[in-house]
Amino acid sequence: MPHTNTWSNAVPADSDLASNLGLFIRNLKLDITERMGQAGHVWNSSAAVDGNLLGQSVITAVGTQNDFPIVVGHPWFVCNNATPLNLTGVSGGYDGAELYVLGLNSTVSIQHENASSAATNRFTLQRANAPMIFNKGFGYFRHNGVRWLEMYVNQGFMITPTFNGADFGGGGGGTWTVDAGDRFALQYIVENRMLTVTWALRTTTMATTPSFGIIANGQWGGFQAVGNHFGSHWYVDGAGASDNGPVEVSGTQILLYTKTKATFPNGTNNITSQGSIKFEVN
């Protein structure tokens, strides 16, 4: 029977971290063992026994860290950094070495093939176009003697990107203006190569009857879609009509259409689009 975890975004106090971590890792091990088994990977059970960590390193470093040292026999990076941590590489790897990254506090960013670290210390991610950002998430990496290879990652909680109005636009000569206050919600989450984007954009403006609305990948982590993907969204157009319309994802853009793919009627501060779509990225 699948193992089910109940997750919390509460960050344990330092005094509680050691006592709670063993139980947390035991539950995490059960969950990841199941997920990795489904993905065809093998979990090294020597990394955790009965919920006790073998080789735990609590990481409090912040900022950009190049060639960050790993202690031999300490494969667990338990990241309790107070502000964002950016890892471009980890030293001390060797063929068959394993690294487990667990984010507990602020975000942890893993960079793909970043030249700021020595070649053998770099990470090779499953998605080359954007870093892996753990928002209280988990990653498993294995060294092949050349690089740290990403074997399994789960972002953790959804991320709301920094708003940028330039990431929204209209197609076919029209315009779509989305202001910061119009973004009721826009979040994304990635697990391995699968990305889910959810949005609710309200009181937006369209002019010159655009053929479609555009959400660029600056609002979903900088990833690029693999192939073409299709879904739907609920919308209210500038004339006040509401319906469900098709969504298409290709490359760096999510495209939003009316039901019949006719042009959107113009409207000022009265156009809505809400939807969610999951697709493969690199």
Protein backbone atom coordinates (compact mmCIF):
# COMPACT_ATOMS: atom_id res chain seq x y z
CA MET A 1 0.00 0.00 0.00
CA PRO A 2 1.42 3.44 -0.87
CA HIS A 3 2.93 5.33 2.03
CA THR A 4 1.32 8.71 2.73
CA ASN A 5 3.08 11.58 4.45
CA THR A 6 1.52 14.62 6.06
CA TRP A 7 3.72 17.59 5.26
CA SER A 8 4.04 20.84 7.17
CA ASN A 9 5.82 24.04 6.21
CA ALA A 10 6.72 24.75 9.84
CA VAL A 11 10.48 25.09 10.30
CA PRO A 12 11.72 23.29 13.44
CA ALA A 13 13.63 25.25 16.03
CA ASP A 14 17.32 24.38 16.32
CA SER A 15 16.69 22.62 19.64
CA ASP A 16 14.07 20.42 18.00
CA LEU A 17 15.94 19.74 14.76
CA ALA A 18 18.02 16.82 15.95
CA SER A 19 15.17 15.05 17.77
CA ASN A 20 12.68 15.46 14.94
CA LEU A 21 14.98 14.84 12.00
CA GLY A 22 15.25 11.08 12.38
CA LEU A 23 11.48 10.57 12.23
CA PHE A 24 11.17 13.03 9.34
CA ILE A 25 13.85 11.22 7.33
CA ARG A 26 12.30 7.82 8.05
CA ASN A 27 9.00 9.01 6.58
CA LEU A 28 10.81 10.70 3.72
CA LYS A 29 12.76 7.52 3.00
CA LEU A 30 9.54 5.53 2.70
CA ASP A 31 8.01 8.10 0.38
CA ILE A 32 11.09 8.50 -1.83
CA THR A 33 11.71 4.74 -1.94
CA GLU A 34 8.23 4.33 -3.39
CA ARG A 35 8.65 7.17 -5.89
CA MET A 36 12.11 6.15 -7.02
CA GLY A 37 10.99 2.56 -7.41
CA GLN A 38 8.24 3.75 -9.72
CA ALA A 39 10.84 5.71 -11.68
CA GLY A 40 13.16 2.70 -11.96
CA HIS A 41 15.85 4.01 -9.58
CA VAL A 42 17.34 2.22 -6.59
CA TRP A 43 17.57 3.78 -3.15
CA ASN A 44 20.75 3.04 -1.21
CA SER A 45 19.27 1.83 2.08
CA SER A 46 22.64 2.28 3.82
CA ALA A 47 22.01 6.04 3.80
CA ALA A 48 19.33 5.77 6.48
CA VAL A 49 18.58 2.97 8.90
CA ASP A 50 15.38 2.93 10.97
CA GLY A 51 15.05 6.67 10.54
CA ASN A 52 18.57 7.45 11.83
CA LEU A 53 20.84 9.43 9.54
CA LEU A 54 24.25 8.05 8.73
CA GLY A 55 26.35 11.09 7.84
CA GLN A 56 24.17 14.11 8.48
CA SER A 57 25.61 17.56 7.76
CA VAL A 58 23.39 20.47 8.82
CA ILE A 59 24.11 23.26 6.32
CA THR A 60 23.58 26.87 7.37
CA ALA A 61 25.65 28.51 4.61
CA VAL A 62 23.85 31.11 2.49
CA GLY A 63 24.49 32.93 -0.77
CA THR A 64 26.41 31.40 -3.69
CA GLN A 65 28.68 28.53 -2.74
CA ASN A 66 31.19 27.12 -5.23
CA ASP A 67 32.89 23.73 -4.76
CA PHE A 68 31.07 23.29 -1.47
CA PRO A 69 32.81 20.53 0.51
CA ILE A 70 31.15 17.24 1.34
CA VAL A 71 32.57 15.20 4.19
CA VAL A 72 33.22 11.59 3.16
CA GLY A 73 30.63 9.40 4.87
CA HIS A 74 28.26 12.34 5.35
CA PRO A 75 25.99 12.20 2.28
CA TRP A 76 23.04 14.12 3.79
CA PHE A 77 22.95 17.89 3.30
CA VAL A 78 20.23 19.01 5.70
CA CYS A 79 19.87 22.64 4.66
CA ASN A 80 18.66 24.90 7.46
CA ASN A 81 19.83 28.10 5.74
CA ALA A 82 18.03 31.25 6.89
CA THR A 83 18.25 32.95 3.47
CA PRO A 84 18.60 31.49 -0.05
CA LEU A 85 21.50 29.14 -0.74
CA ASN A 86 22.86 28.72 -4.28
CA LEU A 87 25.07 25.65 -4.90
CA THR A 88 27.08 25.63 -8.13
CA GLY A 89 28.99 22.48 -7.20
CA VAL A 90 30.01 20.12 -4.41
CA SER A 91 33.56 18.85 -3.94
CA GLY A 92 34.58 15.44 -2.66
CA GLY A 93 32.60 13.38 -5.16
CA TYR A 94 33.82 10.08 -6.59
CA ASP A 95 32.37 7.37 -8.77
CA GLY A 96 29.40 5.94 -6.87
CA ALA A 97 29.21 8.69 -4.25
CA GLU A 98 25.72 9.78 -3.25
CA LEU A 99 24.37 13.13 -2.10
CA TYR A 100 20.96 13.80 -0.55
CA VAL A 101 19.83 17.44 -0.32
CA LEU A 102 16.95 18.25 2.01
CA GLY A 103 15.66 21.82 2.32
CA LEU A 104 14.13 22.75 5.66
CA ASN A 105 14.14 26.53 5.72
CA SER A 106 14.86 29.02 2.92
CA THR A 107 15.25 27.97 -0.72
CA VAL A 108 18.19 25.92 -2.00
CA SER A 109 19.14 26.38 -5.66
CA ILE A 110 21.13 23.73 -7.55
CA GLN A 111 22.77 25.04 -10.73
CA HIS A 112 23.20 23.02 -13.93
CA GLU A 113 26.80 22.76 -15.24
CA ASN A 114 27.86 26.01 -13.61
CA ALA A 115 31.45 26.94 -14.49
CA SER A 116 31.97 28.66 -11.13
CA SER A 117 32.75 25.21 -9.70
CA ALA A 118 35.37 22.75 -10.92
CA ALA A 119 34.14 20.40 -13.64
CA THR A 120 33.96 17.26 -11.50
CA ASN A 121 32.12 19.16 -8.75
CA ARG A 122 29.30 20.36 -11.00
CA PHE A 123 25.72 19.12 -11.20
CA THR A 124 24.12 17.72 -14.34
CA LEU A 125 20.38 18.26 -14.00
CA GLN A 126 17.54 16.63 -15.90
CA ARG A 127 16.51 20.12 -17.02
CA ALA A 128 19.35 22.14 -18.55
CA ASN A 129 17.49 25.44 -18.97
CA ALA A 130 16.85 26.42 -15.37
CA PRO A 131 18.23 25.69 -11.89
CA MET A 132 16.51 23.29 -9.51
CA ILE A 133 15.10 25.28 -6.60
CA PHE A 134 14.10 23.37 -3.49
CA ASN A 135 11.33 25.06 -1.53
CA LYS A 136 11.53 22.69 1.44
CA GLY A 137 12.04 19.91 -1.11
CA PHE A 138 14.36 16.96 -1.65
CA GLY A 139 16.99 15.87 -4.17
CA TYR A 140 19.06 12.73 -4.69
CA PHE A 141 22.29 12.92 -6.71
CA ARG A 142 24.85 10.26 -7.65
CA HIS A 143 28.39 10.90 -8.85
CA ASN A 144 29.67 9.02 -11.91
CA GLY A 145 33.29 10.09 -11.55
CA VAL A 146 32.66 13.08 -13.82
CA ARG A 147 29.60 14.93 -12.48
CA TRP A 148 26.88 14.84 -9.82
CA LEU A 149 23.94 13.40 -11.77
CA GLU A 150 20.42 14.32 -10.72
CA MET A 151 18.54 11.08 -10.03
CA TYR A 152 15.38 12.32 -8.32
CA VAL A 153 14.12 15.76 -7.27
CA ASN A 154 10.92 17.13 -5.78
CA GLN A 155 10.70 20.89 -5.39
CA GLY A 156 8.59 20.64 -2.23
CA PHE A 157 6.14 23.54 -2.00
CA MET A 158 4.97 25.60 -4.96
CA ILE A 159 6.93 28.72 -5.87
CA THR A 160 5.41 32.09 -6.71
CA PRO A 161 7.85 33.84 -9.08
CA THR A 162 8.74 37.50 -8.95
CA PHE A 163 6.17 39.40 -10.98
CA ASN A 164 7.28 40.78 -14.35
CA GLY A 165 4.68 42.35 -16.63
CA ALA A 166 6.91 41.65 -19.64
CA ASP A 167 6.17 37.93 -19.21
CA PHE A 168 2.59 38.52 -20.41
CA GLY A 169 1.52 39.52 -23.89
CA GLY A 170 -0.92 39.11 -26.75
CA GLY A 171 -0.61 37.30 -30.05
CA GLY A 172 -1.61 38.23 -33.56
CA GLY A 173 -0.81 41.92 -33.15
CA GLY A 174 -2.93 42.42 -30.04
CA THR A 175 -1.80 43.24 -26.51
CA TRP A 176 -2.54 41.72 -23.12
CA THR A 177 -1.60 43.80 -20.11
CA VAL A 178 -1.32 42.10 -16.72
CA ASP A 179 -0.45 44.29 -13.76
CA ALA A 180 0.98 43.00 -10.48
CA GLY A 181 -2.38 43.39 -8.79
CA ASP A 182 -4.07 41.33 -11.52
CA ARG A 183 -2.04 38.26 -10.60
CA PHE A 184 -4.33 36.75 -8.00
CA ALA A 185 -2.23 33.56 -8.15
CA LEU A 186 0.54 32.14 -10.30
CA GLN A 187 2.65 29.28 -9.00
CA TYR A 188 4.68 26.36 -10.29
CA ILE A 189 6.17 23.13 -8.99
CA VAL A 190 8.56 20.63 -10.60
CA GLU A 191 9.22 16.93 -9.94
CA ASN A 192 12.00 15.49 -12.09
CA ARG A 193 11.03 16.66 -15.62
CA MET A 194 7.34 17.33 -14.98
CA LEU A 195 6.23 20.92 -14.33
CA THR A 196 2.81 22.04 -13.10
CA VAL A 197 1.78 25.68 -13.56
CA THR A 198 -1.35 27.12 -11.93
CA TRP A 199 -2.66 30.64 -12.52
CA ALA A 200 -5.55 33.00 -11.74
CA LEU A 201 -5.25 36.32 -13.57
CA ARG A 202 -8.07 38.78 -13.01
CA THR A 203 -8.99 42.36 -14.03
CA THR A 204 -6.49 42.26 -16.91
CA THR A 205 -6.65 44.35 -20.08
CA MET A 206 -6.64 43.41 -23.79
CA ALA A 207 -6.41 45.78 -26.74
CA THR A 208 -6.31 45.42 -30.54
CA THR A 209 -8.17 42.07 -30.30
CA PRO A 210 -5.32 39.62 -29.62
CA SER A 211 -5.55 36.11 -31.06
CA PHE A 212 -4.34 34.62 -27.77
CA GLY A 213 -2.81 35.52 -24.42
CA ILE A 214 0.78 34.61 -23.54
CA ILE A 215 2.36 33.60 -20.24
CA ALA A 216 6.13 33.40 -20.81
CA ASN A 217 8.43 31.06 -18.91
CA GLY A 218 9.80 33.85 -16.74
CA GLN A 219 6.66 33.18 -14.69
CA TRP A 220 7.28 29.43 -14.47
CA GLY A 221 10.90 29.00 -13.51
CA GLY A 222 12.61 29.63 -16.86
CA PHE A 223 12.02 26.06 -18.02
CA GLN A 224 11.32 25.08 -21.63
CA ALA A 225 8.58 22.69 -22.69
CA VAL A 226 9.52 19.45 -24.42
CA GLY A 227 7.22 19.11 -27.41
CA ASN A 228 3.68 20.48 -27.48
CA HIS A 229 1.16 20.14 -24.66
CA PHE A 230 -2.54 20.92 -24.44
CA GLY A 231 -5.04 21.78 -21.72
CA SER A 232 -7.82 24.26 -20.99
CA HIS A 233 -8.58 27.39 -18.99
CA TRP A 234 -11.68 29.22 -17.84
CA TYR A 235 -11.90 32.80 -19.01
CA VAL A 236 -14.03 35.90 -19.04
CA ASP A 237 -13.49 38.02 -22.15
CA GLY A 238 -13.72 41.76 -22.65
CA ALA A 239 -17.39 41.50 -23.66
CA GLY A 240 -18.27 39.78 -20.38
CA ALA A 241 -18.76 36.30 -21.87
CA SER A 242 -17.29 33.35 -19.94
CA ASP A 243 -16.33 29.91 -21.25
CA ASN A 244 -13.61 27.29 -21.33
CA GLY A 245 -10.92 27.64 -23.96
CA PRO A 246 -7.87 25.66 -25.12
CA VAL A 247 -4.37 26.10 -23.72
CA GLU A 248 -1.27 25.19 -25.69
CA VAL A 249 2.31 25.03 -24.40
CA SER A 250 5.31 25.15 -26.71
CA GLY A 251 8.89 26.18 -26.01
CA THR A 252 8.87 29.10 -23.61
CA GLN A 253 5.21 30.11 -23.82
CA ILE A 254 1.80 29.11 -22.50
CA LEU A 255 -0.85 30.25 -25.01
CA LEU A 256 -4.43 30.96 -23.93
CA TYR A 257 -7.27 30.93 -26.49
CA THR A 258 -11.00 31.56 -26.65
CA LYS A 259 -13.24 28.51 -27.08
CA THR A 260 -13.26 28.77 -30.89
CA LYS A 261 -9.77 30.34 -31.16
CA ALA A 262 -11.40 33.54 -32.34
CA THR A 263 -9.79 36.82 -31.31
CA PHE A 264 -10.44 38.11 -27.79
CA PRO A 265 -12.77 41.12 -27.57
CA ASN A 266 -11.04 44.17 -26.16
CA GLY A 267 -11.60 44.96 -22.50
CA THR A 268 -10.12 47.16 -19.78
CA ASN A 269 -9.55 45.68 -16.33
CA ASN A 270 -12.26 43.05 -16.86
CA ILE A 271 -10.58 39.99 -18.43
CA THR A 272 -9.91 36.82 -16.45
CA SER A 273 -8.02 33.58 -17.09
CA GLN A 274 -7.76 30.72 -14.61
CA GLY A 275 -6.23 27.31 -15.22
CA SER A 276 -3.57 24.71 -14.53
CA ILE A 277 -1.45 22.56 -16.80
CA LYS A 278 1.24 19.89 -16.34
CA PHE A 279 3.90 19.21 -18.95
CA GLU A 280 7.43 17.92 -19.52
CA VAL A 281 10.29 20.42 -19.43
CA ASN A 282 14.03 20.52 -19.92
